[in-house]
Amino acid sequence: MTIHYLALNFSVAQPRIVVDGYNLIYAMPELARLVNSDLERARDGLVAKLAVYRSGRNVRVTVVFDGRSAVAQQTRPPGGIEVVFSRAPQNADTKIKNMLALEKSPKSWTVVTSDHSIVLYARDYGAKTIPSAEFAAKLGNTIPRLGPNRPAPKDAPLTPAEVSEWEEYFRQGRQDKRS
């Protein structure tokens, strides 16, 4: 008798939380009040809160901000939070949607936003969603301090996901011109 074993290679994607940055900031009064006077401090406060939330959890956290009013220099804050600024012509909403569309396993994602169009888009891809106010309650109302931000290296290369986004953007532009 011969026994054959079938080896199945199952890989489980690491859970990922993608945060609509300004949407969540405006759901948190302690950060929303900083927006007009010190936008960078409001963003840093959110990143610090997310870092505390992430600690002890096996989850990747990415926060996406609109890049139009952001300082030109990106930072890599402590705490393991990935900070992404959209680049023109995109805004943060479009950036999040493109990230979802390019993801191989969006079902492992949770998108934090109260933007209805992003919620519907995320659900279409099988991602979970949490309203910003609900997630804000999980973060609490104190702003921790995690230390200074480190400047990102100059001329940092695009990530593979960013390259794919730009390829798709230009591919769509060509298709529009052919129509």
N, C-alpha and C. Protein backbone atom coordinates (compact mmCIF):
# COMPACT_ATOMS: atom_id res chain seq x y z
N MET A 1 0.84 -1.17 0.00
CA MET A 1 0.00 0.00 0.00
C MET A 1 0.89 1.24 0.00
N THR A 2 0.60 2.18 -0.87
CA THR A 2 1.35 3.42 -0.95
C THR A 2 0.49 4.57 -0.44
N ILE A 3 1.07 5.36 0.42
CA ILE A 3 0.35 6.51 0.96
C ILE A 3 0.97 7.76 0.38
N HIS A 4 0.13 8.59 -0.16
CA HIS A 4 0.59 9.87 -0.73
C HIS A 4 0.12 10.99 0.18
N TYR A 5 1.02 11.91 0.44
CA TYR A 5 0.68 13.06 1.26
C TYR A 5 0.59 14.28 0.37
N LEU A 6 -0.43 15.03 0.58
CA LEU A 6 -0.61 16.28 -0.16
C LEU A 6 -0.17 17.41 0.74
N ALA A 7 0.85 18.10 0.32
CA ALA A 7 1.34 19.22 1.13
C ALA A 7 0.65 20.49 0.66
N LEU A 8 -0.06 21.09 1.53
CA LEU A 8 -0.73 22.35 1.22
C LEU A 8 0.01 23.48 1.91
N ASN A 9 0.27 24.50 1.18
CA ASN A 9 0.99 25.64 1.73
C ASN A 9 0.00 26.77 1.97
N PHE A 10 -0.45 26.88 3.19
CA PHE A 10 -1.37 27.94 3.54
C PHE A 10 -0.58 29.07 4.19
N SER A 11 -0.75 30.24 3.66
CA SER A 11 -0.12 31.38 4.31
C SER A 11 -1.22 32.32 4.76
N VAL A 12 -1.12 32.74 5.97
CA VAL A 12 -2.11 33.62 6.54
C VAL A 12 -1.52 35.03 6.55
N ALA A 13 -2.21 35.93 5.91
CA ALA A 13 -1.74 37.30 5.85
C ALA A 13 -1.81 37.94 7.24
N GLN A 14 -0.79 38.74 7.55
CA GLN A 14 -0.79 39.44 8.83
C GLN A 14 -1.95 40.44 8.82
N PRO A 15 -2.72 40.50 9.89
CA PRO A 15 -3.79 41.49 9.95
C PRO A 15 -3.22 42.90 9.77
N ARG A 16 -3.97 43.73 9.08
CA ARG A 16 -3.52 45.09 8.82
C ARG A 16 -4.66 46.05 9.10
N ILE A 17 -4.34 47.11 9.80
CA ILE A 17 -5.29 48.19 10.04
C ILE A 17 -4.82 49.37 9.20
N VAL A 18 -5.70 49.87 8.34
CA VAL A 18 -5.41 51.04 7.52
C VAL A 18 -6.32 52.15 7.99
N VAL A 19 -5.71 53.27 8.37
CA VAL A 19 -6.43 54.37 9.00
C VAL A 19 -6.51 55.57 8.06
N ASP A 20 -7.72 56.07 7.88
CA ASP A 20 -7.95 57.33 7.17
C ASP A 20 -7.58 58.43 8.18
N GLY A 21 -6.35 58.92 8.07
CA GLY A 21 -5.74 59.74 9.11
C GLY A 21 -6.53 60.94 9.59
N TYR A 22 -6.86 61.86 8.68
CA TYR A 22 -7.56 63.06 9.11
C TYR A 22 -8.98 62.74 9.56
N ASN A 23 -9.59 61.73 8.97
CA ASN A 23 -10.92 61.32 9.38
C ASN A 23 -10.91 60.89 10.84
N LEU A 24 -9.88 60.14 11.25
CA LEU A 24 -9.77 59.72 12.64
C LEU A 24 -9.39 60.89 13.55
N ILE A 25 -8.51 61.76 13.09
CA ILE A 25 -8.13 62.93 13.91
C ILE A 25 -9.37 63.75 14.27
N TYR A 26 -10.25 63.97 13.29
CA TYR A 26 -11.45 64.78 13.55
C TYR A 26 -12.46 64.06 14.44
N ALA A 27 -12.29 62.76 14.65
CA ALA A 27 -13.16 62.01 15.57
C ALA A 27 -12.63 62.05 17.00
N MET A 28 -11.47 62.70 17.19
CA MET A 28 -10.84 62.74 18.51
C MET A 28 -10.68 64.21 18.92
N PRO A 29 -11.51 64.71 19.82
CA PRO A 29 -11.49 66.13 20.17
C PRO A 29 -10.11 66.64 20.60
N GLU A 30 -9.36 65.80 21.32
CA GLU A 30 -8.04 66.25 21.80
C GLU A 30 -7.07 66.48 20.65
N LEU A 31 -7.29 65.84 19.50
CA LEU A 31 -6.44 66.05 18.32
C LEU A 31 -7.08 67.04 17.35
N ALA A 32 -8.39 67.00 17.21
CA ALA A 32 -9.09 67.89 16.28
C ALA A 32 -8.84 69.36 16.63
N ARG A 33 -8.76 69.67 17.91
CA ARG A 33 -8.55 71.07 18.30
C ARG A 33 -7.15 71.57 17.92
N LEU A 34 -6.23 70.66 17.62
CA LEU A 34 -4.87 71.05 17.23
C LEU A 34 -4.72 71.33 15.74
N VAL A 35 -5.66 70.87 14.94
CA VAL A 35 -5.50 70.89 13.48
C VAL A 35 -5.21 72.29 12.95
N ASN A 36 -5.95 73.30 13.37
CA ASN A 36 -5.75 74.65 12.82
C ASN A 36 -4.48 75.32 13.33
N SER A 37 -4.05 74.98 14.53
CA SER A 37 -2.88 75.64 15.09
C SER A 37 -1.58 74.86 14.90
N ASP A 38 -1.65 73.53 14.91
CA ASP A 38 -0.43 72.72 14.82
C ASP A 38 -0.77 71.35 14.21
N LEU A 39 -0.93 71.34 12.89
CA LEU A 39 -1.33 70.13 12.18
C LEU A 39 -0.33 69.00 12.39
N GLU A 40 0.95 69.32 12.38
CA GLU A 40 1.97 68.29 12.56
C GLU A 40 1.84 67.63 13.94
N ARG A 41 1.55 68.43 14.95
CA ARG A 41 1.38 67.88 16.30
C ARG A 41 0.15 66.97 16.37
N ALA A 42 -0.91 67.34 15.66
CA ALA A 42 -2.11 66.50 15.62
C ALA A 42 -1.79 65.16 14.96
N ARG A 43 -1.05 65.20 13.84
CA ARG A 43 -0.67 63.95 13.16
C ARG A 43 0.23 63.11 14.06
N ASP A 44 1.23 63.75 14.68
CA ASP A 44 2.15 63.03 15.56
C ASP A 44 1.40 62.40 16.74
N GLY A 45 0.42 63.13 17.26
CA GLY A 45 -0.39 62.60 18.37
C GLY A 45 -1.15 61.36 17.96
N LEU A 46 -1.71 61.39 16.75
CA LEU A 46 -2.43 60.21 16.26
C LEU A 46 -1.48 59.03 16.09
N VAL A 47 -0.32 59.27 15.50
CA VAL A 47 0.65 58.19 15.29
C VAL A 47 1.08 57.61 16.64
N ALA A 48 1.28 58.46 17.64
CA ALA A 48 1.67 57.99 18.97
C ALA A 48 0.57 57.10 19.57
N LYS A 49 -0.69 57.52 19.44
CA LYS A 49 -1.80 56.72 19.95
C LYS A 49 -1.87 55.38 19.24
N LEU A 50 -1.66 55.39 17.92
CA LEU A 50 -1.69 54.15 17.16
C LEU A 50 -0.55 53.22 17.56
N ALA A 51 0.61 53.79 17.87
CA ALA A 51 1.76 52.98 18.30
C ALA A 51 1.47 52.28 19.62
N VAL A 52 0.84 52.99 20.54
CA VAL A 52 0.48 52.38 21.83
C VAL A 52 -0.55 51.26 21.59
N TYR A 53 -1.53 51.53 20.74
CA TYR A 53 -2.54 50.52 20.42
C TYR A 53 -1.89 49.27 19.80
N ARG A 54 -0.94 49.48 18.90
CA ARG A 54 -0.29 48.38 18.18
C ARG A 54 0.61 47.53 19.09
N SER A 55 1.20 48.14 20.10
CA SER A 55 2.15 47.40 20.94
C SER A 55 1.47 46.18 21.54
N GLY A 56 2.15 45.05 21.45
CA GLY A 56 1.61 43.81 21.98
C GLY A 56 0.62 43.12 21.07
N ARG A 57 0.36 43.69 19.91
CA ARG A 57 -0.57 43.07 18.95
C ARG A 57 0.20 42.69 17.70
N ASN A 58 -0.15 41.59 17.11
CA ASN A 58 0.46 41.16 15.85
C ASN A 58 -0.35 41.76 14.70
N VAL A 59 -0.18 43.04 14.49
CA VAL A 59 -0.94 43.75 13.48
C VAL A 59 -0.07 44.83 12.85
N ARG A 60 -0.21 44.99 11.57
CA ARG A 60 0.48 46.06 10.85
C ARG A 60 -0.47 47.24 10.80
N VAL A 61 0.01 48.43 11.14
CA VAL A 61 -0.83 49.62 11.14
C VAL A 61 -0.26 50.65 10.17
N THR A 62 -1.12 51.10 9.26
CA THR A 62 -0.76 52.12 8.29
C THR A 62 -1.75 53.26 8.42
N VAL A 63 -1.24 54.48 8.52
CA VAL A 63 -2.11 55.66 8.55
C VAL A 63 -1.83 56.46 7.28
N VAL A 64 -2.92 56.86 6.61
CA VAL A 64 -2.81 57.56 5.34
C VAL A 64 -3.36 58.98 5.51
N PHE A 65 -2.53 59.96 5.13
CA PHE A 65 -2.92 61.36 5.19
C PHE A 65 -2.92 61.95 3.78
N ASP A 66 -3.74 62.99 3.59
CA ASP A 66 -3.66 63.77 2.36
C ASP A 66 -2.31 64.43 2.34
N GLY A 67 -1.67 64.46 1.18
CA GLY A 67 -0.33 65.02 1.09
C GLY A 67 -0.29 66.47 0.70
N ARG A 68 -1.39 67.02 0.24
CA ARG A 68 -1.37 68.39 -0.28
C ARG A 68 -0.91 69.41 0.74
N SER A 69 -1.36 69.27 1.99
CA SER A 69 -0.96 70.26 2.98
C SER A 69 0.12 69.74 3.92
N ALA A 70 0.65 68.56 3.60
CA ALA A 70 1.66 67.95 4.46
C ALA A 70 3.03 68.56 4.18
N VAL A 71 3.87 68.53 5.19
CA VAL A 71 5.25 68.96 5.03
C VAL A 71 5.91 68.03 4.03
N ALA A 72 6.79 68.56 3.21
CA ALA A 72 7.39 67.78 2.13
C ALA A 72 8.16 66.56 2.63
N GLN A 73 8.73 66.65 3.82
CA GLN A 73 9.56 65.56 4.33
C GLN A 73 8.70 64.54 5.06
N GLN A 74 8.81 63.27 4.67
CA GLN A 74 8.10 62.22 5.38
C GLN A 74 8.96 61.76 6.56
N THR A 75 8.29 61.21 7.55
CA THR A 75 9.02 60.71 8.71
C THR A 75 8.68 59.26 8.96
N ARG A 76 9.57 58.59 9.66
CA ARG A 76 9.33 57.22 10.10
C ARG A 76 9.30 57.25 11.63
N PRO A 77 8.11 57.48 12.18
CA PRO A 77 8.03 57.62 13.63
C PRO A 77 8.31 56.31 14.35
N PRO A 78 8.69 56.42 15.62
CA PRO A 78 8.88 55.22 16.41
C PRO A 78 7.54 54.54 16.63
N GLY A 79 7.57 53.28 16.99
CA GLY A 79 6.34 52.57 17.30
C GLY A 79 5.85 51.66 16.19
N GLY A 80 6.55 51.62 15.07
CA GLY A 80 6.20 50.68 14.01
C GLY A 80 4.99 51.04 13.18
N ILE A 81 4.57 52.28 13.22
CA ILE A 81 3.43 52.72 12.43
C ILE A 81 3.93 53.21 11.08
N GLU A 82 3.32 52.71 10.01
CA GLU A 82 3.67 53.16 8.67
C GLU A 82 2.84 54.40 8.36
N VAL A 83 3.51 55.50 8.04
CA VAL A 83 2.84 56.76 7.72
C VAL A 83 2.97 56.99 6.22
N VAL A 84 1.83 57.18 5.56
CA VAL A 84 1.80 57.38 4.11
C VAL A 84 1.07 58.68 3.82
N PHE A 85 1.70 59.52 2.99
CA PHE A 85 1.04 60.73 2.49
C PHE A 85 0.69 60.49 1.03
N SER A 86 -0.53 60.81 0.66
CA SER A 86 -0.91 60.67 -0.74
C SER A 86 -0.10 61.67 -1.56
N ARG A 87 0.05 61.36 -2.83
CA ARG A 87 0.77 62.26 -3.74
C ARG A 87 -0.19 62.71 -4.82
N ALA A 88 -0.07 63.97 -5.22
CA ALA A 88 -0.93 64.48 -6.29
C ALA A 88 -0.81 63.58 -7.49
N PRO A 89 -1.86 63.24 -8.14
CA PRO A 89 -3.20 63.83 -8.06
C PRO A 89 -4.12 63.13 -7.06
N GLN A 90 -3.61 62.20 -6.27
CA GLN A 90 -4.43 61.44 -5.33
C GLN A 90 -4.68 62.21 -4.04
N ASN A 91 -5.81 61.90 -3.41
CA ASN A 91 -6.01 62.30 -2.03
C ASN A 91 -5.95 61.01 -1.19
N ALA A 92 -6.09 61.12 0.11
CA ALA A 92 -5.97 59.94 0.98
C ALA A 92 -7.04 58.90 0.66
N ASP A 93 -8.25 59.35 0.34
CA ASP A 93 -9.33 58.40 0.02
C ASP A 93 -8.95 57.53 -1.17
N THR A 94 -8.46 58.17 -2.23
CA THR A 94 -8.06 57.44 -3.43
C THR A 94 -6.88 56.52 -3.14
N LYS A 95 -5.95 57.00 -2.33
CA LYS A 95 -4.78 56.19 -1.96
C LYS A 95 -5.22 54.91 -1.24
N ILE A 96 -6.13 55.04 -0.29
CA ILE A 96 -6.62 53.88 0.45
C ILE A 96 -7.32 52.91 -0.50
N LYS A 97 -8.15 53.43 -1.40
CA LYS A 97 -8.85 52.58 -2.36
C LYS A 97 -7.86 51.85 -3.27
N ASN A 98 -6.84 52.55 -3.73
CA ASN A 98 -5.83 51.91 -4.58
C ASN A 98 -5.04 50.85 -3.82
N MET A 99 -4.74 51.13 -2.56
CA MET A 99 -4.03 50.13 -1.75
C MET A 99 -4.88 48.86 -1.63
N LEU A 100 -6.18 49.02 -1.40
CA LEU A 100 -7.09 47.88 -1.30
C LEU A 100 -7.13 47.10 -2.62
N ALA A 101 -7.24 47.82 -3.72
CA ALA A 101 -7.35 47.18 -5.03
C ALA A 101 -6.10 46.38 -5.38
N LEU A 102 -4.95 46.82 -4.90
CA LEU A 102 -3.69 46.14 -5.21
C LEU A 102 -3.32 45.05 -4.21
N GLU A 103 -4.03 44.97 -3.12
CA GLU A 103 -3.72 44.00 -2.06
C GLU A 103 -4.16 42.59 -2.46
N LYS A 104 -3.29 41.62 -2.19
CA LYS A 104 -3.60 40.23 -2.52
C LYS A 104 -4.61 39.63 -1.54
N SER A 105 -4.57 40.07 -0.28
CA SER A 105 -5.52 39.51 0.69
C SER A 105 -6.16 40.64 1.51
N PRO A 106 -7.05 41.40 0.88
CA PRO A 106 -7.70 42.50 1.61
C PRO A 106 -8.65 42.04 2.71
N LYS A 107 -8.98 40.76 2.73
CA LYS A 107 -9.86 40.26 3.79
C LYS A 107 -9.18 40.30 5.16
N SER A 108 -7.85 40.44 5.17
CA SER A 108 -7.12 40.54 6.44
C SER A 108 -7.03 41.99 6.92
N TRP A 109 -7.65 42.90 6.17
CA TRP A 109 -7.57 44.32 6.48
C TRP A 109 -8.78 44.77 7.30
N THR A 110 -8.53 45.78 8.12
CA THR A 110 -9.58 46.55 8.77
C THR A 110 -9.31 48.00 8.41
N VAL A 111 -10.29 48.66 7.84
CA VAL A 111 -10.15 50.05 7.44
C VAL A 111 -10.90 50.91 8.44
N VAL A 112 -10.19 51.89 9.01
CA VAL A 112 -10.78 52.79 9.99
C VAL A 112 -11.12 54.10 9.29
N THR A 113 -12.41 54.34 9.13
CA THR A 113 -12.89 55.57 8.49
C THR A 113 -14.38 55.71 8.73
N SER A 114 -14.86 56.93 8.59
CA SER A 114 -16.31 57.17 8.58
C SER A 114 -16.73 57.70 7.22
N ASP A 115 -15.83 57.66 6.27
CA ASP A 115 -16.12 58.09 4.90
C ASP A 115 -16.90 56.97 4.21
N HIS A 116 -18.14 57.27 3.88
CA HIS A 116 -19.05 56.24 3.34
C HIS A 116 -18.51 55.59 2.06
N SER A 117 -17.89 56.37 1.18
CA SER A 117 -17.41 55.79 -0.08
C SER A 117 -16.26 54.80 0.18
N ILE A 118 -15.40 55.10 1.15
CA ILE A 118 -14.31 54.18 1.48
C ILE A 118 -14.88 52.92 2.15
N VAL A 119 -15.85 53.09 3.02
CA VAL A 119 -16.48 51.95 3.70
C VAL A 119 -17.06 50.98 2.66
N LEU A 120 -17.82 51.51 1.71
CA LEU A 120 -18.42 50.65 0.68
C LEU A 120 -17.34 49.97 -0.16
N TYR A 121 -16.31 50.71 -0.53
CA TYR A 121 -15.23 50.17 -1.35
C TYR A 121 -14.51 49.05 -0.60
N ALA A 122 -14.19 49.29 0.67
CA ALA A 122 -13.49 48.29 1.49
C ALA A 122 -14.34 47.03 1.62
N ARG A 123 -15.61 47.18 1.85
CA ARG A 123 -16.49 46.02 2.01
C ARG A 123 -16.58 45.23 0.70
N ASP A 124 -16.57 45.95 -0.44
CA ASP A 124 -16.57 45.26 -1.73
C ASP A 124 -15.36 44.34 -1.89
N TYR A 125 -14.26 44.71 -1.27
CA TYR A 125 -13.03 43.89 -1.34
C TYR A 125 -12.93 42.89 -0.19
N GLY A 126 -13.94 42.86 0.67
CA GLY A 126 -13.94 41.89 1.75
C GLY A 126 -13.25 42.36 3.01
N ALA A 127 -12.82 43.61 3.05
CA ALA A 127 -12.16 44.14 4.24
C ALA A 127 -13.21 44.51 5.29
N LYS A 128 -12.81 44.45 6.53
CA LYS A 128 -13.67 44.89 7.62
C LYS A 128 -13.53 46.41 7.75
N THR A 129 -14.51 47.04 8.33
CA THR A 129 -14.44 48.49 8.56
C THR A 129 -14.85 48.80 9.99
N ILE A 130 -14.29 49.87 10.52
CA ILE A 130 -14.65 50.36 11.84
C ILE A 130 -14.84 51.87 11.71
N PRO A 131 -15.96 52.41 12.17
CA PRO A 131 -16.14 53.86 12.14
C PRO A 131 -15.07 54.56 12.99
N SER A 132 -14.65 55.72 12.55
CA SER A 132 -13.58 56.44 13.25
C SER A 132 -13.91 56.69 14.71
N ALA A 133 -15.14 57.09 15.03
CA ALA A 133 -15.49 57.38 16.42
C ALA A 133 -15.37 56.13 17.30
N GLU A 134 -15.74 54.98 16.75
CA GLU A 134 -15.64 53.73 17.50
C GLU A 134 -14.17 53.36 17.76
N PHE A 135 -13.32 53.52 16.75
CA PHE A 135 -11.91 53.21 16.93
C PHE A 135 -11.25 54.23 17.86
N ALA A 136 -11.65 55.50 17.75
CA ALA A 136 -11.11 56.54 18.64
C ALA A 136 -11.35 56.19 20.10
N ALA A 137 -12.52 55.63 20.40
CA ALA A 137 -12.82 55.24 21.78
C ALA A 137 -11.85 54.17 22.27
N LYS A 138 -11.41 53.29 21.38
CA LYS A 138 -10.45 52.26 21.75
C LYS A 138 -9.07 52.85 22.06
N LEU A 139 -8.76 54.00 21.44
CA LEU A 139 -7.44 54.61 21.62
C LEU A 139 -7.35 55.45 22.89
N GLY A 140 -8.48 55.88 23.43
CA GLY A 140 -8.46 56.71 24.63
C GLY A 140 -8.22 58.17 24.29
N ASN A 141 -8.24 59.02 25.31
CA ASN A 141 -8.14 60.46 25.05
C ASN A 141 -6.84 61.10 25.54
N THR A 142 -5.84 60.32 25.87
CA THR A 142 -4.54 60.89 26.22
C THR A 142 -3.60 60.76 25.02
N ILE A 143 -2.67 61.69 24.92
CA ILE A 143 -1.72 61.68 23.82
C ILE A 143 -0.36 61.28 24.37
N PRO A 144 0.09 60.06 24.10
CA PRO A 144 1.41 59.63 24.59
C PRO A 144 2.54 60.29 23.82
N ARG A 145 3.71 60.29 24.41
CA ARG A 145 4.91 60.80 23.73
C ARG A 145 5.83 59.62 23.45
N LEU A 146 6.28 59.52 22.21
CA LEU A 146 7.13 58.39 21.83
C LEU A 146 8.53 58.80 21.43
N GLY A 147 8.85 60.06 21.44
CA GLY A 147 10.19 60.48 21.02
C GLY A 147 10.15 61.16 19.67
N PRO A 148 11.31 61.67 19.26
CA PRO A 148 11.35 62.44 18.01
C PRO A 148 11.19 61.55 16.78
N ASN A 149 10.65 62.16 15.75
CA ASN A 149 10.55 61.47 14.46
C ASN A 149 11.92 61.47 13.80
N ARG A 150 12.16 60.46 12.99
CA ARG A 150 13.39 60.40 12.22
C ARG A 150 13.08 60.74 10.78
N PRO A 151 13.88 61.61 10.16
CA PRO A 151 13.62 61.91 8.76
C PRO A 151 13.79 60.66 7.91
N ALA A 152 12.94 60.54 6.91
CA ALA A 152 13.07 59.43 5.96
C ALA A 152 14.30 59.70 5.10
N PRO A 153 14.93 58.65 4.61
CA PRO A 153 16.09 58.86 3.75
C PRO A 153 15.68 59.65 2.50
N LYS A 154 16.56 60.54 2.07
CA LYS A 154 16.28 61.30 0.85
C LYS A 154 16.30 60.37 -0.34
N ASP A 155 15.48 60.70 -1.32
CA ASP A 155 15.39 59.92 -2.54
C ASP A 155 15.07 58.46 -2.27
N ALA A 156 14.21 58.23 -1.30
CA ALA A 156 13.81 56.85 -1.01
C ALA A 156 13.10 56.28 -2.23
N PRO A 157 13.44 55.06 -2.61
CA PRO A 157 12.80 54.47 -3.79
C PRO A 157 11.33 54.18 -3.51
N LEU A 158 10.56 54.11 -4.58
CA LEU A 158 9.16 53.75 -4.45
C LEU A 158 9.05 52.30 -4.01
N THR A 159 8.04 52.01 -3.22
CA THR A 159 7.78 50.63 -2.83
C THR A 159 7.13 49.91 -4.01
N PRO A 160 7.17 48.58 -4.02
CA PRO A 160 6.50 47.85 -5.11
C PRO A 160 5.02 48.22 -5.24
N ALA A 161 4.35 48.44 -4.11
CA ALA A 161 2.94 48.81 -4.18
C ALA A 161 2.76 50.17 -4.84
N GLU A 162 3.66 51.14 -4.54
CA GLU A 162 3.58 52.45 -5.17
C GLU A 162 3.85 52.36 -6.67
N VAL A 163 4.81 51.53 -7.06
CA VAL A 163 5.09 51.33 -8.49
C VAL A 163 3.85 50.78 -9.18
N SER A 164 3.21 49.79 -8.55
CA SER A 164 1.99 49.21 -9.13
C SER A 164 0.88 50.25 -9.25
N GLU A 165 0.75 51.10 -8.24
CA GLU A 165 -0.27 52.16 -8.30
C GLU A 165 -0.03 53.09 -9.48
N TRP A 166 1.21 53.50 -9.66
CA TRP A 166 1.52 54.41 -10.77
C TRP A 166 1.35 53.72 -12.11
N GLU A 167 1.72 52.46 -12.20
CA GLU A 167 1.51 51.72 -13.45
C GLU A 167 0.02 51.67 -13.79
N GLU A 168 -0.80 51.38 -12.78
CA GLU A 168 -2.24 51.32 -12.99
C GLU A 168 -2.78 52.70 -13.37
N TYR A 169 -2.29 53.73 -12.72
CA TYR A 169 -2.72 55.10 -13.02
C TYR A 169 -2.44 55.45 -14.48
N PHE A 170 -1.24 55.14 -14.96
CA PHE A 170 -0.88 55.45 -16.34
C PHE A 170 -1.60 54.52 -17.32
N ARG A 171 -1.83 53.28 -16.94
CA ARG A 171 -2.56 52.36 -17.79
C ARG A 171 -3.99 52.85 -18.00
N GLN A 172 -4.63 53.33 -16.94
CA GLN A 172 -5.99 53.85 -17.04
C GLN A 172 -6.01 55.09 -17.92
N GLY A 173 -4.99 55.93 -17.82
CA GLY A 173 -4.92 57.14 -18.65
C GLY A 173 -4.85 56.78 -20.12
N ARG A 174 -4.09 55.76 -20.46
CA ARG A 174 -3.98 55.32 -21.86
C ARG A 174 -5.33 54.78 -22.35
N GLN A 175 -6.02 54.04 -21.49
CA GLN A 175 -7.30 53.47 -21.90
C GLN A 175 -8.32 54.58 -22.14
N ASP A 176 -8.26 55.64 -21.31
CA ASP A 176 -9.18 56.78 -21.49
C ASP A 176 -8.94 57.45 -22.83
N LYS A 177 -7.68 57.57 -23.27
CA LYS A 177 -7.36 58.24 -24.51
C LYS A 177 -7.77 57.42 -25.72
N ARG A 178 -7.82 56.10 -25.56
CA ARG A 178 -8.21 55.22 -26.68
C ARG A 178 -9.72 55.25 -26.90
N SER A 179 -10.47 55.58 -25.89
CA SER A 179 -11.93 55.55 -26.00
C SER A 179 -12.47 56.68 -26.82
